[in-house]
């Protein structure tokens, strides 16, 4: 890296955010360099500490990010990798993706929505794209949508769209451990790749693996309205 460099380039090279996303973080007064509030165009030196936090004396500021978790990274390792990159956010992942899976995770410091998103009594859609090692059986869609018995538990009805002979999209409203892999196994299909592409209204889109982007504006308003709704 060539120092000094603009803050948005620094955050992008550290795989913390896209340049555009970094500019939004700076504009929303979330970025600090050596304890001082960054502004658009601020430059960073190699020894500087870059962090996201609220200003001293303010009420707690909640932050929300979409993160593209790569294959091979455990959910527990995400905060550690961000900290090593010099980006202190104090956020945590809402839910999990197993190490062999990849795709969308939501990171936040807002504990208010943890129960609403993870408690099975609340129904929030999560969408995945799944590839199987063998061709999908003719009755696969019908059986998956009706609910599958996995070790004594019958999964709730879900929506399945067949993409091609060994790829399908599935939308769930529950999240049992390794649920999709176990559902497929019960129907004699082995998962080759599993990618989460949507949580409620938050979509992964073209977000690059290992990058995050802030969830703001109307997208955030819709998400919080759904997440904090009790019924």
C-alpha atoms as a PDB file:
ATOM      1  CA  UNK A   1       0.000   0.000   0.000  1.00  0.00           C
ATOM      2  CA  UNK A   2       1.122   3.535  -0.762  1.00  0.00           C
ATOM      3  CA  UNK A   3       0.633   5.876   2.204  1.00  0.00           C
ATOM      4  CA  UNK A   4      -0.855   8.323   2.864  1.00  0.00           C
ATOM      5  CA  UNK A   5      -4.043   7.329   1.047  1.00  0.00           C
ATOM      6  CA  UNK A   6      -7.655   8.482   1.003  1.00  0.00           C
ATOM      7  CA  UNK A   7      -9.864   6.916   3.656  1.00  0.00           C
ATOM      8  CA  UNK A   8     -12.275   5.373   1.154  1.00  0.00           C
ATOM      9  CA  UNK A   9      -9.434   3.658  -0.710  1.00  0.00           C
ATOM     10  CA  UNK A  10      -7.967   2.418   2.574  1.00  0.00           C
ATOM     11  CA  UNK A  11     -11.248   0.850   3.685  1.00  0.00           C
ATOM     12  CA  UNK A  12     -11.713  -0.751   0.276  1.00  0.00           C
ATOM     13  CA  UNK A  13      -8.195  -2.215   0.223  1.00  0.00           C
ATOM     14  CA  UNK A  14      -8.727  -3.557   3.739  1.00  0.00           C
ATOM     15  CA  UNK A  15     -11.867  -5.251   2.395  1.00  0.00           C
ATOM     16  CA  UNK A  16     -14.008  -3.418   4.931  1.00  0.00           C
ATOM     17  CA  UNK A  17     -16.296  -1.706   2.438  1.00  0.00           C
ATOM     18  CA  UNK A  18     -16.546  -0.550  -1.126  1.00  0.00           C
ATOM     19  CA  UNK A  19     -15.292   3.005  -1.799  1.00  0.00           C
ATOM     20  CA  UNK A  20     -18.861   4.205  -2.195  1.00  0.00           C
ATOM     21  CA  UNK A  21     -19.860   2.481   1.031  1.00  0.00           C
ATOM     22  CA  UNK A  22     -16.886   4.043   2.811  1.00  0.00           C
ATOM     23  CA  UNK A  23     -17.958   7.504   1.679  1.00  0.00           C
ATOM     24  CA  UNK A  24     -21.403   6.842   3.176  1.00  0.00           C
ATOM     25  CA  UNK A  25     -19.847   5.784   6.480  1.00  0.00           C
ATOM     26  CA  UNK A  26     -17.758   8.963   6.554  1.00  0.00           C
ATOM     27  CA  UNK A  27     -20.718  11.154   5.616  1.00  0.00           C
ATOM     28  CA  UNK A  28     -22.754   9.588   8.436  1.00  0.00           C
ATOM     29  CA  UNK A  29     -19.932  10.440  10.893  1.00  0.00           C
ATOM     30  CA  UNK A  30     -19.174   6.806  11.668  1.00  0.00           C
ATOM     31  CA  UNK A  31     -15.430   6.795  10.790  1.00  0.00           C
ATOM     32  CA  UNK A  32     -12.696   7.975  13.141  1.00  0.00           C
ATOM     33  CA  UNK A  33      -8.947   8.201  12.480  1.00  0.00           C
ATOM     34  CA  UNK A  34      -6.793   8.186  15.607  1.00  0.00           C
ATOM     35  CA  UNK A  35      -9.840   9.212  17.584  1.00  0.00           C
ATOM     36  CA  UNK A  36     -10.742  12.147  15.345  1.00  0.00           C
ATOM     37  CA  UNK A  37     -13.792  12.288  13.116  1.00  0.00           C
ATOM     38  CA  UNK A  38     -12.915  11.613   9.468  1.00  0.00           C
ATOM     39  CA  UNK A  39     -14.259  13.756   6.654  1.00  0.00           C
ATOM     40  CA  UNK A  40     -14.615  13.024   2.964  1.00  0.00           C
ATOM     41  CA  UNK A  41     -11.101  13.107   1.511  1.00  0.00           C
ATOM     42  CA  UNK A  42      -9.318  12.369   4.816  1.00  0.00           C
ATOM     43  CA  UNK A  43      -6.030  10.533   4.373  1.00  0.00           C
ATOM     44  CA  UNK A  44      -4.651   7.621   6.370  1.00  0.00           C
ATOM     45  CA  UNK A  45      -1.069   6.740   7.244  1.00  0.00           C
ATOM     46  CA  UNK A  46       0.147   3.187   7.800  1.00  0.00           C
ATOM     47  CA  UNK A  47       0.278   3.530  11.598  1.00  0.00           C
ATOM     48  CA  UNK A  48      -3.126   5.214  11.969  1.00  0.00           C
ATOM     49  CA  UNK A  49      -6.002   3.527  13.790  1.00  0.00           C
ATOM     50  CA  UNK A  50      -9.257   3.532  11.851  1.00  0.00           C
ATOM     51  CA  UNK A  51     -12.499   2.727  13.669  1.00  0.00           C
ATOM     52  CA  UNK A  52     -16.271   3.063  13.552  1.00  0.00           C
ATOM     53  CA  UNK A  53     -17.915   4.416  16.680  1.00  0.00           C
ATOM     54  CA  UNK A  54     -20.262   7.042  18.025  1.00  0.00           C
ATOM     55  CA  UNK A  55     -19.006  10.374  19.237  1.00  0.00           C
ATOM     56  CA  UNK A  56     -18.354  10.687  22.963  1.00  0.00           C
ATOM     57  CA  UNK A  57     -21.370  11.871  24.902  1.00  0.00           C
ATOM     58  CA  UNK A  58     -23.915  10.879  22.265  1.00  0.00           C
ATOM     59  CA  UNK A  59     -26.641   8.313  22.721  1.00  0.00           C
ATOM     60  CA  UNK A  60     -25.758   4.895  21.363  1.00  0.00           C
ATOM     61  CA  UNK A  61     -25.714   4.861  17.597  1.00  0.00           C
ATOM     62  CA  UNK A  62     -26.886   1.632  16.034  1.00  0.00           C
ATOM     63  CA  UNK A  63     -25.124   0.510  12.867  1.00  0.00           C
ATOM     64  CA  UNK A  64     -26.095  -2.164  10.349  1.00  0.00           C
ATOM     65  CA  UNK A  65     -24.005  -3.787   7.630  1.00  0.00           C
ATOM     66  CA  UNK A  66     -24.438  -6.429   4.949  1.00  0.00           C
ATOM     67  CA  UNK A  67     -21.395  -8.728   4.771  1.00  0.00           C
ATOM     68  CA  UNK A  68     -20.514 -11.342   2.150  1.00  0.00           C
ATOM     69  CA  UNK A  69     -19.016 -14.228   4.104  1.00  0.00           C
ATOM     70  CA  UNK A  70     -16.642 -16.352   2.008  1.00  0.00           C
ATOM     71  CA  UNK A  71     -16.395 -20.138   2.094  1.00  0.00           C
ATOM     72  CA  UNK A  72     -13.923 -21.327   4.712  1.00  0.00           C
ATOM     73  CA  UNK A  73     -14.544 -18.525   7.198  1.00  0.00           C
ATOM     74  CA  UNK A  74     -16.333 -19.372  10.427  1.00  0.00           C
ATOM     75  CA  UNK A  75     -18.914 -16.864  11.626  1.00  0.00           C
ATOM     76  CA  UNK A  76     -16.946 -16.467  14.882  1.00  0.00           C
ATOM     77  CA  UNK A  77     -13.865 -15.335  12.946  1.00  0.00           C
ATOM     78  CA  UNK A  78     -15.526 -12.311  11.325  1.00  0.00           C
ATOM     79  CA  UNK A  79     -15.078  -9.804  14.153  1.00  0.00           C
ATOM     80  CA  UNK A  80     -11.502 -10.982  14.660  1.00  0.00           C
ATOM     81  CA  UNK A  81     -10.598 -10.430  11.011  1.00  0.00           C
ATOM     82  CA  UNK A  82     -12.188  -6.978  11.053  1.00  0.00           C
ATOM     83  CA  UNK A  83     -10.257  -6.064  14.187  1.00  0.00           C
ATOM     84  CA  UNK A  84      -6.978  -7.200  12.637  1.00  0.00           C
ATOM     85  CA  UNK A  85      -7.725  -4.937   9.703  1.00  0.00           C
ATOM     86  CA  UNK A  86      -7.765  -2.014  12.123  1.00  0.00           C
ATOM     87  CA  UNK A  87     -11.534  -1.555  11.836  1.00  0.00           C
ATOM     88  CA  UNK A  88     -13.147  -1.561  15.270  1.00  0.00           C
ATOM     89  CA  UNK A  89     -16.929  -1.645  14.917  1.00  0.00           C
ATOM     90  CA  UNK A  90     -18.205  -3.502  17.989  1.00  0.00           C
ATOM     91  CA  UNK A  91     -20.728  -5.316  15.799  1.00  0.00           C
ATOM     92  CA  UNK A  92     -21.778  -8.953  15.856  1.00  0.00           C
ATOM     93  CA  UNK A  93     -23.369 -11.258  13.264  1.00  0.00           C
ATOM     94  CA  UNK A  94     -27.107 -11.882  13.431  1.00  0.00           C
ATOM     95  CA  UNK A  95     -27.304 -15.637  13.056  1.00  0.00           C
ATOM     96  CA  UNK A  96     -24.790 -17.947  11.434  1.00  0.00           C
ATOM     97  CA  UNK A  97     -23.579 -19.527   8.222  1.00  0.00           C
ATOM     98  CA  UNK A  98     -21.578 -22.719   8.545  1.00  0.00           C
ATOM     99  CA  UNK A  99     -17.960 -22.689   7.412  1.00  0.00           C
ATOM    100  CA  UNK A 100     -18.703 -24.497   4.148  1.00  0.00           C
ATOM    101  CA  UNK A 101     -21.457 -22.022   3.187  1.00  0.00           C
ATOM    102  CA  UNK A 102     -21.142 -18.452   1.979  1.00  0.00           C
ATOM    103  CA  UNK A 103     -23.142 -15.328   1.312  1.00  0.00           C
ATOM    104  CA  UNK A 104     -25.111 -12.752   3.258  1.00  0.00           C
ATOM    105  CA  UNK A 105     -24.709 -12.041   6.951  1.00  0.00           C
ATOM    106  CA  UNK A 106     -26.070  -8.982   8.731  1.00  0.00           C
ATOM    107  CA  UNK A 107     -23.685  -7.344  11.202  1.00  0.00           C
ATOM    108  CA  UNK A 108     -24.942  -4.897  13.823  1.00  0.00           C
ATOM    109  CA  UNK A 109     -24.511  -3.608  17.361  1.00  0.00           C
ATOM    110  CA  UNK A 110     -28.297  -3.522  17.858  1.00  0.00           C
ATOM    111  CA  UNK A 111     -29.238  -6.171  20.396  1.00  0.00           C
ATOM    112  CA  UNK A 112     -32.912  -5.167  20.170  1.00  0.00           C
ATOM    113  CA  UNK A 113     -33.425  -7.141  16.972  1.00  0.00           C
ATOM    114  CA  UNK A 114     -31.492 -10.287  17.913  1.00  0.00           C
ATOM    115  CA  UNK A 115     -34.459 -12.153  19.373  1.00  0.00           C
ATOM    116  CA  UNK A 116     -36.829 -11.101  16.596  1.00  0.00           C
ATOM    117  CA  UNK A 117     -34.497 -12.425  13.899  1.00  0.00           C
ATOM    118  CA  UNK A 118     -33.365 -15.614  15.641  1.00  0.00           C
ATOM    119  CA  UNK A 119     -36.394 -16.698  17.676  1.00  0.00           C
ATOM    120  CA  UNK A 120     -38.334 -19.370  15.726  1.00  0.00           C
ATOM    121  CA  UNK A 121     -41.697 -17.907  16.798  1.00  0.00           C
ATOM    122  CA  UNK A 122     -41.062 -14.956  14.472  1.00  0.00           C
ATOM    123  CA  UNK A 123     -41.233 -15.531  10.706  1.00  0.00           C
ATOM    124  CA  UNK A 124     -38.604 -13.790   8.580  1.00  0.00           C
ATOM    125  CA  UNK A 125     -37.674 -14.932   5.078  1.00  0.00           C
ATOM    126  CA  UNK A 126     -34.159 -16.056   4.197  1.00  0.00           C
ATOM    127  CA  UNK A 127     -33.334 -17.022   0.627  1.00  0.00           C
ATOM    128  CA  UNK A 128     -30.559 -19.336  -0.591  1.00  0.00           C
ATOM    129  CA  UNK A 129     -29.165 -20.596  -3.892  1.00  0.00           C
ATOM    130  CA  UNK A 130     -28.162 -24.248  -3.610  1.00  0.00           C
ATOM    131  CA  UNK A 131     -26.262 -26.519  -5.992  1.00  0.00           C
ATOM    132  CA  UNK A 132     -26.352 -30.288  -5.585  1.00  0.00           C
ATOM    133  CA  UNK A 133     -23.777 -32.843  -6.708  1.00  0.00           C
ATOM    134  CA  UNK A 134     -26.340 -34.942  -8.551  1.00  0.00           C
ATOM    135  CA  UNK A 135     -29.330 -34.035 -10.693  1.00  0.00           C
ATOM    136  CA  UNK A 136     -32.410 -33.069  -8.719  1.00  0.00           C
ATOM    137  CA  UNK A 137     -35.029 -35.778  -8.517  1.00  0.00           C
ATOM    138  CA  UNK A 138     -38.340 -35.204 -10.259  1.00  0.00           C
ATOM    139  CA  UNK A 139     -40.333 -34.843  -7.025  1.00  0.00           C
ATOM    140  CA  UNK A 140     -37.667 -32.803  -5.181  1.00  0.00           C
ATOM    141  CA  UNK A 141     -39.496 -29.442  -5.318  1.00  0.00           C
ATOM    142  CA  UNK A 142     -42.796 -30.938  -4.146  1.00  0.00           C
ATOM    143  CA  UNK A 143     -41.235 -32.780  -1.209  1.00  0.00           C
ATOM    144  CA  UNK A 144     -39.071 -29.846  -0.061  1.00  0.00           C
ATOM    145  CA  UNK A 145     -41.977 -27.386  -0.153  1.00  0.00           C
ATOM    146  CA  UNK A 146     -44.260 -29.697   1.823  1.00  0.00           C
ATOM    147  CA  UNK A 147     -41.755 -30.043   4.682  1.00  0.00           C
ATOM    148  CA  UNK A 148     -39.075 -32.666   5.279  1.00  0.00           C
ATOM    149  CA  UNK A 149     -38.601 -34.928   8.291  1.00  0.00           C
ATOM    150  CA  UNK A 150     -35.091 -34.335   9.615  1.00  0.00           C
ATOM    151  CA  UNK A 151     -34.335 -36.541  12.587  1.00  0.00           C
ATOM    152  CA  UNK A 152     -37.861 -36.417  13.977  1.00  0.00           C
ATOM    153  CA  UNK A 153     -38.610 -32.768  13.167  1.00  0.00           C
ATOM    154  CA  UNK A 154     -40.737 -31.834  10.166  1.00  0.00           C
ATOM    155  CA  UNK A 155     -39.624 -28.565   8.621  1.00  0.00           C
ATOM    156  CA  UNK A 156     -42.146 -25.814   7.931  1.00  0.00           C
ATOM    157  CA  UNK A 157     -43.442 -25.367   4.363  1.00  0.00           C
ATOM    158  CA  UNK A 158     -41.041 -23.372   2.186  1.00  0.00           C
ATOM    159  CA  UNK A 159     -40.783 -22.044  -1.366  1.00  0.00           C
ATOM    160  CA  UNK A 160     -38.532 -23.748  -3.930  1.00  0.00           C
ATOM    161  CA  UNK A 161     -37.718 -22.600  -7.461  1.00  0.00           C
ATOM    162  CA  UNK A 162     -35.774 -24.961  -9.737  1.00  0.00           C
ATOM    163  CA  UNK A 163     -33.009 -23.067 -11.602  1.00  0.00           C
ATOM    164  CA  UNK A 164     -31.498 -25.975 -13.552  1.00  0.00           C
ATOM    165  CA  UNK A 165     -30.986 -29.717 -13.217  1.00  0.00           C
ATOM    166  CA  UNK A 166     -28.811 -29.394 -10.100  1.00  0.00           C
ATOM    167  CA  UNK A 167     -29.531 -25.877  -8.783  1.00  0.00           C
ATOM    168  CA  UNK A 168     -32.498 -24.485  -6.883  1.00  0.00           C
ATOM    169  CA  UNK A 169     -33.480 -21.407  -4.869  1.00  0.00           C
ATOM    170  CA  UNK A 170     -35.157 -21.917  -1.512  1.00  0.00           C
ATOM    171  CA  UNK A 171     -36.866 -19.442   0.812  1.00  0.00           C
ATOM    172  CA  UNK A 172     -37.199 -20.447   4.464  1.00  0.00           C
ATOM    173  CA  UNK A 173     -38.864 -18.813   7.469  1.00  0.00           C
ATOM    174  CA  UNK A 174     -36.965 -20.874  10.029  1.00  0.00           C
ATOM    175  CA  UNK A 175     -33.318 -21.668  10.633  1.00  0.00           C
ATOM    176  CA  UNK A 176     -32.535 -25.039  12.168  1.00  0.00           C
ATOM    177  CA  UNK A 177     -28.842 -25.953  12.316  1.00  0.00           C
ATOM    178  CA  UNK A 178     -27.619 -27.089   8.871  1.00  0.00           C
ATOM    179  CA  UNK A 179     -31.290 -27.226   7.878  1.00  0.00           C
ATOM    180  CA  UNK A 180     -30.969 -27.096   4.091  1.00  0.00           C
ATOM    181  CA  UNK A 181     -28.140 -29.620   4.022  1.00  0.00           C
ATOM    182  CA  UNK A 182     -30.142 -31.958   6.259  1.00  0.00           C
ATOM    183  CA  UNK A 183     -33.309 -31.508   4.189  1.00  0.00           C
ATOM    184  CA  UNK A 184     -31.422 -32.343   1.002  1.00  0.00           C
ATOM    185  CA  UNK A 185     -29.749 -35.350   2.613  1.00  0.00           C
ATOM    186  CA  UNK A 186     -33.127 -36.688   3.722  1.00  0.00           C
ATOM    187  CA  UNK A 187     -34.215 -36.528   0.065  1.00  0.00           C
ATOM    188  CA  UNK A 188     -31.021 -38.254  -1.134  1.00  0.00           C
ATOM    189  CA  UNK A 189     -29.394 -35.119  -2.556  1.00  0.00           C
ATOM    190  CA  UNK A 190     -25.925 -33.953  -1.472  1.00  0.00           C
ATOM    191  CA  UNK A 191     -25.245 -30.209  -1.339  1.00  0.00           C
ATOM    192  CA  UNK A 192     -22.251 -29.028  -3.354  1.00  0.00           C
ATOM    193  CA  UNK A 193     -22.620 -25.267  -2.760  1.00  0.00           C
ATOM    194  CA  UNK A 194     -24.885 -23.203  -0.511  1.00  0.00           C
ATOM    195  CA  UNK A 195     -25.130 -19.417  -0.749  1.00  0.00           C
ATOM    196  CA  UNK A 196     -27.443 -17.111   1.189  1.00  0.00           C
ATOM    197  CA  UNK A 197     -28.599 -14.259  -1.038  1.00  0.00           C
ATOM    198  CA  UNK A 198     -31.306 -12.519   1.009  1.00  0.00           C
ATOM    199  CA  UNK A 199     -32.436 -11.897   4.586  1.00  0.00           C
ATOM    200  CA  UNK A 200     -35.874 -10.265   4.611  1.00  0.00           C
ATOM    201  CA  UNK A 201     -35.480  -7.214   2.332  1.00  0.00           C
ATOM    202  CA  UNK A 202     -31.666  -7.126   2.541  1.00  0.00           C
ATOM    203  CA  UNK A 203     -30.117  -8.613  -0.613  1.00  0.00           C
ATOM    204  CA  UNK A 204     -26.539  -9.719  -1.194  1.00  0.00           C
ATOM    205  CA  UNK A 205     -26.584  -8.389  -4.749  1.00  0.00           C
ATOM    206  CA  UNK A 206     -23.113  -7.886  -6.239  1.00  0.00           C
ATOM    207  CA  UNK A 207     -21.321  -7.410  -2.913  1.00  0.00           C
ATOM    208  CA  UNK A 208     -17.820  -8.881  -3.221  1.00  0.00           C
ATOM    209  CA  UNK A 209     -16.784 -11.695  -0.814  1.00  0.00           C
ATOM    210  CA  UNK A 210     -15.144 -10.350   2.389  1.00  0.00           C
ATOM    211  CA  UNK A 211     -16.607  -6.882   1.811  1.00  0.00           C
ATOM    212  CA  UNK A 212     -19.286  -5.100   3.816  1.00  0.00           C
ATOM    213  CA  UNK A 213     -21.644  -2.283   2.943  1.00  0.00           C
ATOM    214  CA  UNK A 214     -23.731  -0.099   5.261  1.00  0.00           C
ATOM    215  CA  UNK A 215     -27.478  -0.665   5.366  1.00  0.00           C
ATOM    216  CA  UNK A 216     -29.034   2.800   5.334  1.00  0.00           C
ATOM    217  CA  UNK A 217     -31.980   4.851   4.103  1.00  0.00           C
ATOM    218  CA  UNK A 218     -35.209   3.222   2.964  1.00  0.00           C
ATOM    219  CA  UNK A 219     -33.602  -0.228   2.938  1.00  0.00           C
ATOM    220  CA  UNK A 220     -32.822   0.130   6.659  1.00  0.00           C
ATOM    221  CA  UNK A 221     -36.238   1.562   7.501  1.00  0.00           C
ATOM    222  CA  UNK A 222     -38.023  -1.410   5.903  1.00  0.00           C
ATOM    223  CA  UNK A 223     -35.672  -3.875   7.598  1.00  0.00           C
ATOM    224  CA  UNK A 224     -36.132  -2.377  11.077  1.00  0.00           C
ATOM    225  CA  UNK A 225     -39.890  -2.116  10.662  1.00  0.00           C
ATOM    226  CA  UNK A 226     -40.057  -5.835   9.896  1.00  0.00           C
ATOM    227  CA  UNK A 227     -37.437  -6.865  12.465  1.00  0.00           C
ATOM    228  CA  UNK A 228     -38.970  -4.974  15.377  1.00  0.00           C
ATOM    229  CA  UNK A 229     -42.535  -5.977  14.587  1.00  0.00           C
ATOM    230  CA  UNK A 230     -43.740  -8.403  17.245  1.00  0.00           C
ATOM    231  CA  UNK A 231     -46.496 -10.134  15.278  1.00  0.00           C
END
